[in-house]
C-alpha atoms as a PDB file:
ATOM      1  CA  UNK A   1      12.470   1.182  57.494  1.00  0.00           C
ATOM      2  CA  UNK A   2       9.297   1.803  59.478  1.00  0.00           C
ATOM      3  CA  UNK A   3       7.338  -0.864  61.306  1.00  0.00           C
ATOM      4  CA  UNK A   4       3.612  -0.279  60.816  1.00  0.00           C
ATOM      5  CA  UNK A   5       1.286  -2.599  62.732  1.00  0.00           C
ATOM      6  CA  UNK A   6      -2.017  -3.472  61.093  1.00  0.00           C
ATOM      7  CA  UNK A   7      -5.388  -2.865  62.767  1.00  0.00           C
ATOM      8  CA  UNK A   8      -4.279  -2.461  66.386  1.00  0.00           C
ATOM      9  CA  UNK A   9      -3.190   1.025  67.537  1.00  0.00           C
ATOM     10  CA  UNK A  10      -3.086   0.200  71.250  1.00  0.00           C
ATOM     11  CA  UNK A  11      -0.691  -2.674  70.607  1.00  0.00           C
ATOM     12  CA  UNK A  12       1.334  -0.510  68.205  1.00  0.00           C
ATOM     13  CA  UNK A  13       1.753   2.070  70.974  1.00  0.00           C
ATOM     14  CA  UNK A  14       2.607  -0.562  73.578  1.00  0.00           C
ATOM     15  CA  UNK A  15       5.237  -2.151  71.340  1.00  0.00           C
ATOM     16  CA  UNK A  16       6.728   1.158  70.216  1.00  0.00           C
ATOM     17  CA  UNK A  17       5.931   0.618  66.535  1.00  0.00           C
ATOM     18  CA  UNK A  18       6.516   3.472  64.132  1.00  0.00           C
ATOM     19  CA  UNK A  19       2.825   3.557  63.337  1.00  0.00           C
ATOM     20  CA  UNK A  20      -0.430   1.791  62.684  1.00  0.00           C
ATOM     21  CA  UNK A  21      -2.672   1.108  59.715  1.00  0.00           C
ATOM     22  CA  UNK A  22      -6.405   1.124  60.407  1.00  0.00           C
ATOM     23  CA  UNK A  23      -9.272  -0.081  58.291  1.00  0.00           C
ATOM     24  CA  UNK A  24     -12.757   1.334  58.108  1.00  0.00           C
ATOM     25  CA  UNK A  25     -14.014  -1.260  60.610  1.00  0.00           C
ATOM     26  CA  UNK A  26     -11.072  -0.798  63.001  1.00  0.00           C
ATOM     27  CA  UNK A  27     -10.327   1.965  65.472  1.00  0.00           C
ATOM     28  CA  UNK A  28     -11.348   5.342  63.980  1.00  0.00           C
ATOM     29  CA  UNK A  29      -8.506   7.566  62.801  1.00  0.00           C
ATOM     30  CA  UNK A  30      -8.796  10.157  65.615  1.00  0.00           C
ATOM     31  CA  UNK A  31      -8.714   7.479  68.314  1.00  0.00           C
ATOM     32  CA  UNK A  32      -5.809   5.691  66.624  1.00  0.00           C
ATOM     33  CA  UNK A  33      -3.882   8.968  66.464  1.00  0.00           C
ATOM     34  CA  UNK A  34      -4.529   9.588  70.152  1.00  0.00           C
ATOM     35  CA  UNK A  35      -3.330   6.077  71.047  1.00  0.00           C
ATOM     36  CA  UNK A  36      -0.089   6.149  69.041  1.00  0.00           C
ATOM     37  CA  UNK A  37       0.740   9.808  69.525  1.00  0.00           C
ATOM     38  CA  UNK A  38       1.426  12.768  67.262  1.00  0.00           C
ATOM     39  CA  UNK A  39       4.762  11.512  65.906  1.00  0.00           C
ATOM     40  CA  UNK A  40       3.628   8.039  64.843  1.00  0.00           C
ATOM     41  CA  UNK A  41       2.448   7.164  61.342  1.00  0.00           C
ATOM     42  CA  UNK A  42      -1.268   6.546  60.967  1.00  0.00           C
ATOM     43  CA  UNK A  43      -2.601   5.288  57.655  1.00  0.00           C
ATOM     44  CA  UNK A  44      -6.186   4.567  56.702  1.00  0.00           C
ATOM     45  CA  UNK A  45      -7.737   2.041  54.337  1.00  0.00           C
ATOM     46  CA  UNK A  46     -10.162   3.772  52.007  1.00  0.00           C
ATOM     47  CA  UNK A  47     -11.137   0.767  49.836  1.00  0.00           C
ATOM     48  CA  UNK A  48     -12.198   2.241  46.488  1.00  0.00           C
ATOM     49  CA  UNK A  49     -13.754   5.395  47.928  1.00  0.00           C
ATOM     50  CA  UNK A  50     -12.611   8.865  46.960  1.00  0.00           C
ATOM     51  CA  UNK A  51     -14.783  10.273  49.735  1.00  0.00           C
ATOM     52  CA  UNK A  52     -13.226   8.111  52.468  1.00  0.00           C
ATOM     53  CA  UNK A  53      -9.758   9.058  51.239  1.00  0.00           C
ATOM     54  CA  UNK A  54     -10.499  12.763  51.271  1.00  0.00           C
ATOM     55  CA  UNK A  55     -11.963  12.525  54.781  1.00  0.00           C
ATOM     56  CA  UNK A  56      -8.923  10.589  56.026  1.00  0.00           C
ATOM     57  CA  UNK A  57      -6.540  13.132  54.496  1.00  0.00           C
ATOM     58  CA  UNK A  58      -8.494  16.053  55.934  1.00  0.00           C
ATOM     59  CA  UNK A  59      -8.383  14.439  59.382  1.00  0.00           C
ATOM     60  CA  UNK A  60      -4.602  14.209  59.141  1.00  0.00           C
ATOM     61  CA  UNK A  61      -3.851  10.655  58.003  1.00  0.00           C
ATOM     62  CA  UNK A  62      -0.208  10.239  57.036  1.00  0.00           C
ATOM     63  CA  UNK A  63      -1.272   8.153  54.054  1.00  0.00           C
ATOM     64  CA  UNK A  64      -4.391   6.699  52.478  1.00  0.00           C
ATOM     65  CA  UNK A  65      -4.638   3.217  51.038  1.00  0.00           C
ATOM     66  CA  UNK A  66      -6.755   1.985  48.149  1.00  0.00           C
ATOM     67  CA  UNK A  67      -7.473  -1.616  47.264  1.00  0.00           C
ATOM     68  CA  UNK A  68      -7.786  -4.369  46.544  1.00  0.00           C
ATOM     69  CA  UNK A  69      -6.245  -3.905  43.131  1.00  0.00           C
ATOM     70  CA  UNK A  70      -5.881  -7.617  42.433  1.00  0.00           C
ATOM     71  CA  UNK A  71      -7.388 -10.810  43.864  1.00  0.00           C
ATOM     72  CA  UNK A  72      -5.858 -11.587  47.242  1.00  0.00           C
ATOM     73  CA  UNK A  73      -5.966 -14.398  49.738  1.00  0.00           C
ATOM     74  CA  UNK A  74      -4.558 -12.351  52.632  1.00  0.00           C
ATOM     75  CA  UNK A  75      -7.886 -10.745  53.576  1.00  0.00           C
ATOM     76  CA  UNK A  76     -11.406 -10.815  52.219  1.00  0.00           C
ATOM     77  CA  UNK A  77     -11.397  -7.926  49.754  1.00  0.00           C
ATOM     78  CA  UNK A  78     -14.524  -5.782  50.134  1.00  0.00           C
ATOM     79  CA  UNK A  79     -13.869  -3.745  47.021  1.00  0.00           C
ATOM     80  CA  UNK A  80     -12.055  -3.868  43.700  1.00  0.00           C
ATOM     81  CA  UNK A  81     -10.079  -0.649  43.259  1.00  0.00           C
ATOM     82  CA  UNK A  82      -9.371   0.736  39.822  1.00  0.00           C
ATOM     83  CA  UNK A  83      -5.942   2.085  38.916  1.00  0.00           C
ATOM     84  CA  UNK A  84      -7.621   5.365  37.963  1.00  0.00           C
ATOM     85  CA  UNK A  85      -7.952   6.089  41.712  1.00  0.00           C
ATOM     86  CA  UNK A  86      -4.174   6.420  41.945  1.00  0.00           C
ATOM     87  CA  UNK A  87      -4.052   8.802  38.997  1.00  0.00           C
ATOM     88  CA  UNK A  88      -6.895  10.883  40.445  1.00  0.00           C
ATOM     89  CA  UNK A  89      -5.325  11.032  43.907  1.00  0.00           C
ATOM     90  CA  UNK A  90      -1.984  12.177  42.530  1.00  0.00           C
ATOM     91  CA  UNK A  91      -3.600  14.975  40.531  1.00  0.00           C
ATOM     92  CA  UNK A  92      -5.288  16.442  43.611  1.00  0.00           C
ATOM     93  CA  UNK A  93      -3.534  15.477  46.810  1.00  0.00           C
ATOM     94  CA  UNK A  94      -0.101  15.586  48.449  1.00  0.00           C
ATOM     95  CA  UNK A  95      -0.842  12.904  51.055  1.00  0.00           C
ATOM     96  CA  UNK A  96       0.977   9.692  50.087  1.00  0.00           C
ATOM     97  CA  UNK A  97      -1.035   6.788  48.712  1.00  0.00           C
ATOM     98  CA  UNK A  98      -0.597   3.057  49.240  1.00  0.00           C
ATOM     99  CA  UNK A  99      -1.855   0.346  46.897  1.00  0.00           C
ATOM    100  CA  UNK A 100      -3.123  -2.817  48.585  1.00  0.00           C
ATOM    101  CA  UNK A 101      -4.314  -6.217  47.470  1.00  0.00           C
ATOM    102  CA  UNK A 102      -2.757  -9.106  45.603  1.00  0.00           C
ATOM    103  CA  UNK A 103       0.292  -7.116  44.570  1.00  0.00           C
ATOM    104  CA  UNK A 104       3.303  -9.007  43.253  1.00  0.00           C
ATOM    105  CA  UNK A 105       6.522  -8.109  41.493  1.00  0.00           C
ATOM    106  CA  UNK A 106       4.852  -9.187  38.242  1.00  0.00           C
ATOM    107  CA  UNK A 107       1.793  -6.927  38.512  1.00  0.00           C
ATOM    108  CA  UNK A 108       2.947  -3.878  40.489  1.00  0.00           C
ATOM    109  CA  UNK A 109       4.527  -1.708  37.787  1.00  0.00           C
ATOM    110  CA  UNK A 110       1.258  -0.096  36.576  1.00  0.00           C
ATOM    111  CA  UNK A 111       0.425   0.847  40.183  1.00  0.00           C
ATOM    112  CA  UNK A 112       3.814   2.457  40.706  1.00  0.00           C
ATOM    113  CA  UNK A 113       3.562   4.238  37.347  1.00  0.00           C
ATOM    114  CA  UNK A 114       0.093   5.502  38.359  1.00  0.00           C
ATOM    115  CA  UNK A 115       1.604   7.073  41.464  1.00  0.00           C
ATOM    116  CA  UNK A 116       1.495   4.560  44.309  1.00  0.00           C
ATOM    117  CA  UNK A 117       4.035   5.837  46.817  1.00  0.00           C
ATOM    118  CA  UNK A 118       4.064   2.514  48.636  1.00  0.00           C
ATOM    119  CA  UNK A 119       2.800  -1.006  48.101  1.00  0.00           C
ATOM    120  CA  UNK A 120       1.300  -3.153  50.834  1.00  0.00           C
ATOM    121  CA  UNK A 121       2.557  -6.622  50.016  1.00  0.00           C
ATOM    122  CA  UNK A 122       2.296  -9.887  51.893  1.00  0.00           C
ATOM    123  CA  UNK A 123       2.096 -12.800  49.482  1.00  0.00           C
ATOM    124  CA  UNK A 124       4.122 -10.838  46.951  1.00  0.00           C
ATOM    125  CA  UNK A 125       7.062 -11.034  49.352  1.00  0.00           C
ATOM    126  CA  UNK A 126       6.556 -14.261  51.287  1.00  0.00           C
ATOM    127  CA  UNK A 127       5.516 -16.330  48.253  1.00  0.00           C
ATOM    128  CA  UNK A 128       8.160 -15.040  45.841  1.00  0.00           C
ATOM    129  CA  UNK A 129       9.907 -18.017  44.191  1.00  0.00           C
ATOM    130  CA  UNK A 130      13.376 -16.629  45.025  1.00  0.00           C
ATOM    131  CA  UNK A 131      12.500 -15.714  48.615  1.00  0.00           C
ATOM    132  CA  UNK A 132      11.518 -12.545  50.485  1.00  0.00           C
ATOM    133  CA  UNK A 133      14.836 -10.702  50.049  1.00  0.00           C
ATOM    134  CA  UNK A 134      14.705 -11.161  46.281  1.00  0.00           C
ATOM    135  CA  UNK A 135      11.104  -9.909  46.240  1.00  0.00           C
ATOM    136  CA  UNK A 136      11.971  -6.756  48.189  1.00  0.00           C
ATOM    137  CA  UNK A 137      14.927  -6.089  45.898  1.00  0.00           C
ATOM    138  CA  UNK A 138      12.721  -6.548  42.827  1.00  0.00           C
ATOM    139  CA  UNK A 139      10.031  -4.198  44.180  1.00  0.00           C
ATOM    140  CA  UNK A 140      12.709  -1.589  44.934  1.00  0.00           C
ATOM    141  CA  UNK A 141      14.125  -1.918  41.403  1.00  0.00           C
ATOM    142  CA  UNK A 142      10.699  -1.215  39.937  1.00  0.00           C
ATOM    143  CA  UNK A 143      10.272   1.923  42.057  1.00  0.00           C
ATOM    144  CA  UNK A 144      13.766   3.055  41.006  1.00  0.00           C
ATOM    145  CA  UNK A 145      13.079   2.373  37.310  1.00  0.00           C
ATOM    146  CA  UNK A 146       9.835   4.349  37.404  1.00  0.00           C
ATOM    147  CA  UNK A 147      11.556   7.247  39.198  1.00  0.00           C
ATOM    148  CA  UNK A 148      14.382   7.172  36.628  1.00  0.00           C
ATOM    149  CA  UNK A 149      11.862   7.243  33.793  1.00  0.00           C
ATOM    150  CA  UNK A 150      10.419  10.400  35.357  1.00  0.00           C
ATOM    151  CA  UNK A 151      13.833  11.981  35.399  1.00  0.00           C
ATOM    152  CA  UNK A 152      14.536  11.010  38.989  1.00  0.00           C
ATOM    153  CA  UNK A 153      11.435  12.751  40.242  1.00  0.00           C
ATOM    154  CA  UNK A 154       8.878  11.244  42.575  1.00  0.00           C
ATOM    155  CA  UNK A 155       5.195  10.802  41.913  1.00  0.00           C
ATOM    156  CA  UNK A 156       4.260  14.434  41.219  1.00  0.00           C
END
């Protein structure tokens, strides 16, 4: 399991995190990469923008993130992403994609089926009625079920 720190590449480097996730108003990708080093994971929020995602991928981002897909109370969502973004990304790109925003065990399946490689979840884990461990297990089951339905193959 990788530890990805949100928004703060200098602290991620200082703490020895596996990587950092930066938003459009945070440290730019190139600077974040320089701070955390060539072996760390650097992901970039792209909101609902195909252009921002393509730029991030071209610059070398390890993953792009679209969102918010659902209403969320974790952060003020600047955009409402459409599930079609995940389909589009998977048709064109190899860079992994993360779905962000209001994701729970109850609403995540369409995102996984559309090709989300990862889900950024906060409330979906910490607010799960059976506790965080049960939430993580349920999310993992959904990823496994979708992979099984594809014949054990990943998103492509």
